[in-house]
């Protein structure tokens, strides 16, 4: 089984997951595609403006403030390395393309003879890309589906008063986080003194779990694909408004204290 990884980050989920995917007798990672321009769907700026109008300026500030929680904080905790260096060490070909939804991305998958491709840290993926591999593409969404479609991990679980998060491996279709579920696992939220540290420590645990889960799926891919089941109706989330952020904070402190977490 020939596997291709597609990512938009030179130091993100693909870098974390690649070492977990080496050495199998049932599949081989034959290429990693780094889309340097991200996803860039049509009408991106119009959608961003609409989002800001919906969540308000303070909501946009919340989103900006949380970026390091899911980026540099997790990278430091997990010891995530540069993708190019990892590919060189592993002897896996790294191919750069201008964008996710670009003809060169399609070519790179087809030229590699991809049986399946895995999306790790991308935005919207168009049909000509996810249909290029023989068996299509899988995505890892670091939340539980369908209840948390398009959601950042941890924070919306806290918003709903939950102390668990998780990840979902699903087929990619024309929607966002709507494809048939192949594998799913809950992961307990790891409460820390602050919300920021809680998000980072928990996301590191979720990354570790999803990397192991992906290895299991790829080792038994035909049976896993045959058993995939449709999601049904889901709930979509976005960046929290300031009011939602305040509720997340209140619920976080209550759950942390209930579970014996450290002081404020």
C-alpha atoms as a PDB file:
ATOM      1  CA  UNK A   1       0.000   0.000   0.000  1.00  0.00           C
ATOM      2  CA  UNK A   2       1.505   3.295  -1.163  1.00  0.00           C
ATOM      3  CA  UNK A   3       0.717   6.219   1.137  1.00  0.00           C
ATOM      4  CA  UNK A   4       1.165   9.933   0.440  1.00  0.00           C
ATOM      5  CA  UNK A   5       0.941  12.619   3.142  1.00  0.00           C
ATOM      6  CA  UNK A   6      -0.379  16.073   2.242  1.00  0.00           C
ATOM      7  CA  UNK A   7       0.291  18.998   4.567  1.00  0.00           C
ATOM      8  CA  UNK A   8       0.381  22.796   4.573  1.00  0.00           C
ATOM      9  CA  UNK A   9       2.823  23.063   7.491  1.00  0.00           C
ATOM     10  CA  UNK A  10       6.576  22.520   7.538  1.00  0.00           C
ATOM     11  CA  UNK A  11       6.471  21.942  11.302  1.00  0.00           C
ATOM     12  CA  UNK A  12       3.087  20.534  12.273  1.00  0.00           C
ATOM     13  CA  UNK A  13       0.981  17.378  12.356  1.00  0.00           C
ATOM     14  CA  UNK A  14       2.750  15.708   9.424  1.00  0.00           C
ATOM     15  CA  UNK A  15       6.121  16.205  11.123  1.00  0.00           C
ATOM     16  CA  UNK A  16       4.721  14.689  14.316  1.00  0.00           C
ATOM     17  CA  UNK A  17       3.026  11.732  12.612  1.00  0.00           C
ATOM     18  CA  UNK A  18       5.656  10.706  10.062  1.00  0.00           C
ATOM     19  CA  UNK A  19       7.913   8.794  12.519  1.00  0.00           C
ATOM     20  CA  UNK A  20       4.876   6.761  13.677  1.00  0.00           C
ATOM     21  CA  UNK A  21       4.216   5.646  10.089  1.00  0.00           C
ATOM     22  CA  UNK A  22       7.606   4.167   9.260  1.00  0.00           C
ATOM     23  CA  UNK A  23       8.591   0.514   9.202  1.00  0.00           C
ATOM     24  CA  UNK A  24       5.252  -1.138   8.460  1.00  0.00           C
ATOM     25  CA  UNK A  25       5.167  -4.279   6.334  1.00  0.00           C
ATOM     26  CA  UNK A  26       1.665  -3.391   5.072  1.00  0.00           C
ATOM     27  CA  UNK A  27       2.128   0.149   3.820  1.00  0.00           C
ATOM     28  CA  UNK A  28       4.865   2.583   2.874  1.00  0.00           C
ATOM     29  CA  UNK A  29       4.921   6.370   2.975  1.00  0.00           C
ATOM     30  CA  UNK A  30       6.309   7.068  -0.492  1.00  0.00           C
ATOM     31  CA  UNK A  31       5.977  10.856  -0.602  1.00  0.00           C
ATOM     32  CA  UNK A  32       5.178  13.865   1.552  1.00  0.00           C
ATOM     33  CA  UNK A  33       3.636  16.831  -0.271  1.00  0.00           C
ATOM     34  CA  UNK A  34       4.154  20.253   1.302  1.00  0.00           C
ATOM     35  CA  UNK A  35       1.620  22.717  -0.105  1.00  0.00           C
ATOM     36  CA  UNK A  36       3.389  26.019   0.435  1.00  0.00           C
ATOM     37  CA  UNK A  37       0.411  28.225  -0.301  1.00  0.00           C
ATOM     38  CA  UNK A  38      -2.107  26.410   1.914  1.00  0.00           C
ATOM     39  CA  UNK A  39      -5.638  25.757   0.714  1.00  0.00           C
ATOM     40  CA  UNK A  40      -6.745  29.234  -0.507  1.00  0.00           C
ATOM     41  CA  UNK A  41     -10.317  28.420  -1.581  1.00  0.00           C
ATOM     42  CA  UNK A  42     -12.216  30.782  -3.851  1.00  0.00           C
ATOM     43  CA  UNK A  43     -13.758  33.701  -1.965  1.00  0.00           C
ATOM     44  CA  UNK A  44     -11.447  33.232   1.034  1.00  0.00           C
ATOM     45  CA  UNK A  45     -11.239  36.919   1.967  1.00  0.00           C
ATOM     46  CA  UNK A  46     -14.984  37.403   1.660  1.00  0.00           C
ATOM     47  CA  UNK A  47     -15.515  34.456   4.016  1.00  0.00           C
ATOM     48  CA  UNK A  48     -12.987  35.862   6.491  1.00  0.00           C
ATOM     49  CA  UNK A  49     -14.760  39.212   6.534  1.00  0.00           C
ATOM     50  CA  UNK A  50     -18.115  37.499   7.065  1.00  0.00           C
ATOM     51  CA  UNK A  51     -16.612  35.516   9.941  1.00  0.00           C
ATOM     52  CA  UNK A  52     -15.242  38.640  11.631  1.00  0.00           C
ATOM     53  CA  UNK A  53     -18.627  40.320  11.314  1.00  0.00           C
ATOM     54  CA  UNK A  54     -20.241  37.246  12.892  1.00  0.00           C
ATOM     55  CA  UNK A  55     -17.889  36.829  15.864  1.00  0.00           C
ATOM     56  CA  UNK A  56     -17.074  40.519  16.314  1.00  0.00           C
ATOM     57  CA  UNK A  57     -13.707  42.293  16.717  1.00  0.00           C
ATOM     58  CA  UNK A  58     -13.197  40.820  20.189  1.00  0.00           C
ATOM     59  CA  UNK A  59     -13.863  37.341  18.802  1.00  0.00           C
ATOM     60  CA  UNK A  60     -11.220  37.959  16.140  1.00  0.00           C
ATOM     61  CA  UNK A  61      -8.844  39.008  18.933  1.00  0.00           C
ATOM     62  CA  UNK A  62      -9.654  35.766  20.790  1.00  0.00           C
ATOM     63  CA  UNK A  63      -8.791  33.749  17.683  1.00  0.00           C
ATOM     64  CA  UNK A  64      -5.492  35.582  17.253  1.00  0.00           C
ATOM     65  CA  UNK A  65      -4.666  35.137  20.941  1.00  0.00           C
ATOM     66  CA  UNK A  66      -5.259  31.365  20.782  1.00  0.00           C
ATOM     67  CA  UNK A  67      -3.093  30.664  17.724  1.00  0.00           C
ATOM     68  CA  UNK A  68       0.097  29.893  19.702  1.00  0.00           C
ATOM     69  CA  UNK A  69      -1.850  27.473  21.926  1.00  0.00           C
ATOM     70  CA  UNK A  70      -2.333  25.156  18.942  1.00  0.00           C
ATOM     71  CA  UNK A  71       0.911  26.077  17.186  1.00  0.00           C
ATOM     72  CA  UNK A  72       4.175  26.914  18.901  1.00  0.00           C
ATOM     73  CA  UNK A  73       3.029  25.696  22.341  1.00  0.00           C
ATOM     74  CA  UNK A  74       2.213  22.213  21.035  1.00  0.00           C
ATOM     75  CA  UNK A  75       5.321  22.134  18.836  1.00  0.00           C
ATOM     76  CA  UNK A  76       7.496  22.781  21.882  1.00  0.00           C
ATOM     77  CA  UNK A  77       5.744  20.215  24.088  1.00  0.00           C
ATOM     78  CA  UNK A  78       5.782  17.499  21.424  1.00  0.00           C
ATOM     79  CA  UNK A  79       9.290  18.253  20.175  1.00  0.00           C
ATOM     80  CA  UNK A  80       8.035  18.559  16.601  1.00  0.00           C
ATOM     81  CA  UNK A  81      10.894  18.841  14.104  1.00  0.00           C
ATOM     82  CA  UNK A  82      11.248  20.348  10.653  1.00  0.00           C
ATOM     83  CA  UNK A  83       9.531  18.249   8.004  1.00  0.00           C
ATOM     84  CA  UNK A  84      12.348  18.459   5.457  1.00  0.00           C
ATOM     85  CA  UNK A  85      14.883  17.146   7.956  1.00  0.00           C
ATOM     86  CA  UNK A  86      12.578  14.299   8.997  1.00  0.00           C
ATOM     87  CA  UNK A  87      11.941  13.255   5.392  1.00  0.00           C
ATOM     88  CA  UNK A  88      15.667  13.270   4.681  1.00  0.00           C
ATOM     89  CA  UNK A  89      16.364  11.091   7.732  1.00  0.00           C
ATOM     90  CA  UNK A  90      13.583   8.663   6.792  1.00  0.00           C
ATOM     91  CA  UNK A  91      14.429   8.537   3.092  1.00  0.00           C
ATOM     92  CA  UNK A  92      10.952   9.782   2.138  1.00  0.00           C
ATOM     93  CA  UNK A  93      10.634  12.053  -0.872  1.00  0.00           C
ATOM     94  CA  UNK A  94       9.422  15.579  -0.069  1.00  0.00           C
ATOM     95  CA  UNK A  95       7.680  17.476  -2.869  1.00  0.00           C
ATOM     96  CA  UNK A  96       6.703  21.144  -2.601  1.00  0.00           C
ATOM     97  CA  UNK A  97       3.657  22.420  -4.485  1.00  0.00           C
ATOM     98  CA  UNK A  98       2.271  25.973  -4.816  1.00  0.00           C
ATOM     99  CA  UNK A  99      -1.015  25.212  -3.008  1.00  0.00           C
ATOM    100  CA  UNK A 100      -3.211  22.348  -1.815  1.00  0.00           C
ATOM    101  CA  UNK A 101      -5.723  22.684  -4.641  1.00  0.00           C
ATOM    102  CA  UNK A 102      -3.173  22.964  -7.421  1.00  0.00           C
ATOM    103  CA  UNK A 103      -2.572  20.807 -10.467  1.00  0.00           C
ATOM    104  CA  UNK A 104       0.960  20.054  -9.250  1.00  0.00           C
ATOM    105  CA  UNK A 105      -0.489  18.511  -6.064  1.00  0.00           C
ATOM    106  CA  UNK A 106      -2.632  16.201  -8.185  1.00  0.00           C
ATOM    107  CA  UNK A 107       0.376  15.331 -10.335  1.00  0.00           C
ATOM    108  CA  UNK A 108       2.542  14.611  -7.266  1.00  0.00           C
ATOM    109  CA  UNK A 109      -0.021  12.113  -5.949  1.00  0.00           C
ATOM    110  CA  UNK A 110      -0.502  10.404  -9.288  1.00  0.00           C
ATOM    111  CA  UNK A 111       3.217  10.282 -10.084  1.00  0.00           C
ATOM    112  CA  UNK A 112       3.845   8.654  -6.684  1.00  0.00           C
ATOM    113  CA  UNK A 113       1.256   5.960  -7.466  1.00  0.00           C
ATOM    114  CA  UNK A 114      -0.681   6.813  -4.305  1.00  0.00           C
ATOM    115  CA  UNK A 115      -3.162   4.200  -3.149  1.00  0.00           C
ATOM    116  CA  UNK A 116      -4.326   6.471  -0.301  1.00  0.00           C
ATOM    117  CA  UNK A 117      -3.436  10.005   0.769  1.00  0.00           C
ATOM    118  CA  UNK A 118      -3.644  11.449   4.269  1.00  0.00           C
ATOM    119  CA  UNK A 119      -4.437  15.114   4.904  1.00  0.00           C
ATOM    120  CA  UNK A 120      -2.580  16.445   7.944  1.00  0.00           C
ATOM    121  CA  UNK A 121      -3.114  20.116   8.734  1.00  0.00           C
ATOM    122  CA  UNK A 122      -4.879  21.483   5.664  1.00  0.00           C
ATOM    123  CA  UNK A 123      -7.952  23.558   4.951  1.00  0.00           C
ATOM    124  CA  UNK A 124     -10.511  22.833   2.239  1.00  0.00           C
ATOM    125  CA  UNK A 125      -9.474  20.161  -0.280  1.00  0.00           C
ATOM    126  CA  UNK A 126     -11.125  20.120  -3.694  1.00  0.00           C
ATOM    127  CA  UNK A 127     -12.440  17.000  -5.412  1.00  0.00           C
ATOM    128  CA  UNK A 128      -9.717  16.807  -8.065  1.00  0.00           C
ATOM    129  CA  UNK A 129      -7.182  16.461  -5.223  1.00  0.00           C
ATOM    130  CA  UNK A 130      -8.997  14.030  -2.916  1.00  0.00           C
ATOM    131  CA  UNK A 131     -10.006  11.840  -5.869  1.00  0.00           C
ATOM    132  CA  UNK A 132      -6.449  11.591  -7.242  1.00  0.00           C
ATOM    133  CA  UNK A 133      -5.293   8.592  -5.108  1.00  0.00           C
ATOM    134  CA  UNK A 134      -6.764   5.211  -6.026  1.00  0.00           C
ATOM    135  CA  UNK A 135      -8.672   4.902  -2.722  1.00  0.00           C
ATOM    136  CA  UNK A 136      -9.208   8.608  -2.119  1.00  0.00           C
ATOM    137  CA  UNK A 137      -8.063  10.570   0.920  1.00  0.00           C
ATOM    138  CA  UNK A 138      -8.419  10.437   4.681  1.00  0.00           C
ATOM    139  CA  UNK A 139      -8.298  13.368   7.076  1.00  0.00           C
ATOM    140  CA  UNK A 140      -7.525  13.468  10.782  1.00  0.00           C
ATOM    141  CA  UNK A 141      -9.811  15.909  12.563  1.00  0.00           C
ATOM    142  CA  UNK A 142      -8.629  16.540  16.099  1.00  0.00           C
ATOM    143  CA  UNK A 143     -12.085  16.499  17.632  1.00  0.00           C
ATOM    144  CA  UNK A 144     -14.990  14.088  17.775  1.00  0.00           C
ATOM    145  CA  UNK A 145     -17.323  14.015  14.782  1.00  0.00           C
ATOM    146  CA  UNK A 146     -20.016  14.781  13.860  1.00  0.00           C
ATOM    147  CA  UNK A 147     -20.622  16.820  17.027  1.00  0.00           C
ATOM    148  CA  UNK A 148     -17.546  19.034  16.507  1.00  0.00           C
ATOM    149  CA  UNK A 149     -17.188  19.679  12.793  1.00  0.00           C
ATOM    150  CA  UNK A 150     -14.689  22.419  11.852  1.00  0.00           C
ATOM    151  CA  UNK A 151     -13.918  22.855  15.567  1.00  0.00           C
ATOM    152  CA  UNK A 152     -10.600  23.524  17.262  1.00  0.00           C
ATOM    153  CA  UNK A 153      -9.864  20.842  19.820  1.00  0.00           C
ATOM    154  CA  UNK A 154     -10.637  21.104  23.553  1.00  0.00           C
ATOM    155  CA  UNK A 155     -12.197  24.566  23.765  1.00  0.00           C
ATOM    156  CA  UNK A 156     -15.648  23.647  22.467  1.00  0.00           C
ATOM    157  CA  UNK A 157     -15.734  20.532  24.634  1.00  0.00           C
ATOM    158  CA  UNK A 158     -15.096  22.836  27.598  1.00  0.00           C
ATOM    159  CA  UNK A 159     -17.775  25.195  26.325  1.00  0.00           C
ATOM    160  CA  UNK A 160     -20.222  22.279  26.555  1.00  0.00           C
ATOM    161  CA  UNK A 161     -18.978  21.256  30.003  1.00  0.00           C
ATOM    162  CA  UNK A 162     -17.169  18.122  28.802  1.00  0.00           C
ATOM    163  CA  UNK A 163     -13.880  16.795  30.199  1.00  0.00           C
ATOM    164  CA  UNK A 164     -13.049  14.673  27.138  1.00  0.00           C
ATOM    165  CA  UNK A 165     -11.948  15.482  23.620  1.00  0.00           C
ATOM    166  CA  UNK A 166     -10.582  13.180  20.924  1.00  0.00           C
ATOM    167  CA  UNK A 167      -9.895  12.714  17.239  1.00  0.00           C
ATOM    168  CA  UNK A 168     -11.635  11.305  14.182  1.00  0.00           C
ATOM    169  CA  UNK A 169     -10.142   9.744  11.050  1.00  0.00           C
ATOM    170  CA  UNK A 170     -12.620  10.152   8.202  1.00  0.00           C
ATOM    171  CA  UNK A 171     -12.872  10.036   4.444  1.00  0.00           C
ATOM    172  CA  UNK A 172     -12.642  13.363   2.647  1.00  0.00           C
ATOM    173  CA  UNK A 173     -15.660  14.373   0.605  1.00  0.00           C
ATOM    174  CA  UNK A 174     -16.932  17.683  -0.798  1.00  0.00           C
ATOM    175  CA  UNK A 175     -17.791  19.065   2.654  1.00  0.00           C
ATOM    176  CA  UNK A 176     -15.528  20.045   5.552  1.00  0.00           C
ATOM    177  CA  UNK A 177     -15.227  17.319   8.216  1.00  0.00           C
ATOM    178  CA  UNK A 178     -18.327  15.573   6.826  1.00  0.00           C
ATOM    179  CA  UNK A 179     -16.951  12.348   5.305  1.00  0.00           C
ATOM    180  CA  UNK A 180     -17.600   8.802   6.504  1.00  0.00           C
ATOM    181  CA  UNK A 181     -15.922   7.942   9.811  1.00  0.00           C
ATOM    182  CA  UNK A 182     -13.172   5.304   9.640  1.00  0.00           C
ATOM    183  CA  UNK A 183     -11.856   5.475  13.202  1.00  0.00           C
ATOM    184  CA  UNK A 184     -12.490   7.547  16.317  1.00  0.00           C
ATOM    185  CA  UNK A 185     -11.125   7.754  19.852  1.00  0.00           C
ATOM    186  CA  UNK A 186     -11.856   9.827  22.941  1.00  0.00           C
ATOM    187  CA  UNK A 187      -8.951  11.408  24.851  1.00  0.00           C
ATOM    188  CA  UNK A 188      -9.339  12.878  28.364  1.00  0.00           C
ATOM    189  CA  UNK A 189      -8.646  16.589  28.714  1.00  0.00           C
ATOM    190  CA  UNK A 190      -5.403  17.094  30.676  1.00  0.00           C
ATOM    191  CA  UNK A 191      -6.178  19.911  33.105  1.00  0.00           C
ATOM    192  CA  UNK A 192      -3.367  22.341  33.865  1.00  0.00           C
ATOM    193  CA  UNK A 193      -3.266  25.586  35.886  1.00  0.00           C
ATOM    194  CA  UNK A 194      -4.245  27.714  32.871  1.00  0.00           C
ATOM    195  CA  UNK A 195      -6.550  27.264  29.912  1.00  0.00           C
ATOM    196  CA  UNK A 196      -3.655  27.818  27.516  1.00  0.00           C
ATOM    197  CA  UNK A 197      -1.540  25.088  29.111  1.00  0.00           C
ATOM    198  CA  UNK A 198      -4.551  22.771  29.237  1.00  0.00           C
ATOM    199  CA  UNK A 199      -5.120  23.160  25.501  1.00  0.00           C
ATOM    200  CA  UNK A 200      -1.448  22.605  24.649  1.00  0.00           C
ATOM    201  CA  UNK A 201      -0.939  19.547  26.885  1.00  0.00           C
ATOM    202  CA  UNK A 202      -4.197  17.985  25.736  1.00  0.00           C
ATOM    203  CA  UNK A 203      -3.510  18.605  22.051  1.00  0.00           C
ATOM    204  CA  UNK A 204      -0.111  16.952  22.458  1.00  0.00           C
ATOM    205  CA  UNK A 205      -1.872  13.883  23.904  1.00  0.00           C
ATOM    206  CA  UNK A 206      -4.416  13.946  21.077  1.00  0.00           C
ATOM    207  CA  UNK A 207      -1.638  14.132  18.489  1.00  0.00           C
ATOM    208  CA  UNK A 208       0.103  11.113  20.024  1.00  0.00           C
ATOM    209  CA  UNK A 209      -3.171   9.179  20.065  1.00  0.00           C
ATOM    210  CA  UNK A 210      -4.116  10.083  16.491  1.00  0.00           C
ATOM    211  CA  UNK A 211      -0.682   9.118  15.165  1.00  0.00           C
ATOM    212  CA  UNK A 212      -1.012   5.670  16.743  1.00  0.00           C
ATOM    213  CA  UNK A 213      -4.598   5.421  15.495  1.00  0.00           C
ATOM    214  CA  UNK A 214      -3.580   6.306  11.950  1.00  0.00           C
ATOM    215  CA  UNK A 215      -0.923   3.596  12.017  1.00  0.00           C
ATOM    216  CA  UNK A 216      -3.593   1.068  13.043  1.00  0.00           C
ATOM    217  CA  UNK A 217      -5.936   2.212  10.275  1.00  0.00           C
ATOM    218  CA  UNK A 218      -3.271   2.002   7.575  1.00  0.00           C
ATOM    219  CA  UNK A 219      -2.133  -1.436   8.774  1.00  0.00           C
ATOM    220  CA  UNK A 220      -5.685  -2.709   8.225  1.00  0.00           C
ATOM    221  CA  UNK A 221      -6.906  -0.275   5.566  1.00  0.00           C
ATOM    222  CA  UNK A 222      -9.200  -2.390   3.333  1.00  0.00           C
ATOM    223  CA  UNK A 223     -11.251  -3.601   6.318  1.00  0.00           C
ATOM    224  CA  UNK A 224     -11.334  -0.128   7.890  1.00  0.00           C
ATOM    225  CA  UNK A 225     -12.563   1.488   4.661  1.00  0.00           C
ATOM    226  CA  UNK A 226     -15.210  -1.202   4.218  1.00  0.00           C
ATOM    227  CA  UNK A 227     -16.490  -0.553   7.754  1.00  0.00           C
ATOM    228  CA  UNK A 228     -16.565   3.268   7.441  1.00  0.00           C
ATOM    229  CA  UNK A 229     -19.940   4.726   8.371  1.00  0.00           C
ATOM    230  CA  UNK A 230     -21.629   8.018   7.399  1.00  0.00           C
ATOM    231  CA  UNK A 231     -21.652  10.749  10.001  1.00  0.00           C
ATOM    232  CA  UNK A 232     -25.218  11.941   9.719  1.00  0.00           C
ATOM    233  CA  UNK A 233     -26.133  15.443  10.869  1.00  0.00           C
ATOM    234  CA  UNK A 234     -23.362  17.338  12.644  1.00  0.00           C
ATOM    235  CA  UNK A 235     -22.707  20.633  14.397  1.00  0.00           C
ATOM    236  CA  UNK A 236     -20.276  23.168  12.953  1.00  0.00           C
ATOM    237  CA  UNK A 237     -18.143  25.482  15.079  1.00  0.00           C
ATOM    238  CA  UNK A 238     -15.864  28.434  14.460  1.00  0.00           C
ATOM    239  CA  UNK A 239     -13.750  30.904  16.454  1.00  0.00           C
ATOM    240  CA  UNK A 240     -15.562  31.756  19.701  1.00  0.00           C
ATOM    241  CA  UNK A 241     -17.122  35.143  20.318  1.00  0.00           C
ATOM    242  CA  UNK A 242     -15.947  36.969  23.425  1.00  0.00           C
ATOM    243  CA  UNK A 243     -19.045  35.751  25.266  1.00  0.00           C
ATOM    244  CA  UNK A 244     -18.368  32.145  24.290  1.00  0.00           C
ATOM    245  CA  UNK A 245     -14.718  32.530  25.291  1.00  0.00           C
ATOM    246  CA  UNK A 246     -15.725  33.752  28.741  1.00  0.00           C
ATOM    247  CA  UNK A 247     -18.006  30.722  29.135  1.00  0.00           C
ATOM    248  CA  UNK A 248     -15.151  28.438  28.073  1.00  0.00           C
ATOM    249  CA  UNK A 249     -13.007  30.005  30.793  1.00  0.00           C
ATOM    250  CA  UNK A 250     -15.670  29.591  33.465  1.00  0.00           C
ATOM    251  CA  UNK A 251     -16.308  25.965  32.567  1.00  0.00           C
ATOM    252  CA  UNK A 252     -12.584  25.256  32.408  1.00  0.00           C
ATOM    253  CA  UNK A 253     -12.025  26.542  35.948  1.00  0.00           C
ATOM    254  CA  UNK A 254     -15.021  24.609  37.298  1.00  0.00           C
ATOM    255  CA  UNK A 255     -13.959  21.336  35.646  1.00  0.00           C
ATOM    256  CA  UNK A 256     -10.306  21.808  36.637  1.00  0.00           C
ATOM    257  CA  UNK A 257     -11.177  22.417  40.266  1.00  0.00           C
ATOM    258  CA  UNK A 258     -13.635  19.500  40.284  1.00  0.00           C
ATOM    259  CA  UNK A 259     -10.889  17.190  39.039  1.00  0.00           C
ATOM    260  CA  UNK A 260      -8.356  18.505  41.554  1.00  0.00           C
ATOM    261  CA  UNK A 261      -6.371  20.639  39.122  1.00  0.00           C
ATOM    262  CA  UNK A 262      -3.902  23.293  40.174  1.00  0.00           C
ATOM    263  CA  UNK A 263      -4.910  26.774  41.307  1.00  0.00           C
ATOM    264  CA  UNK A 264      -5.831  29.677  39.028  1.00  0.00           C
END
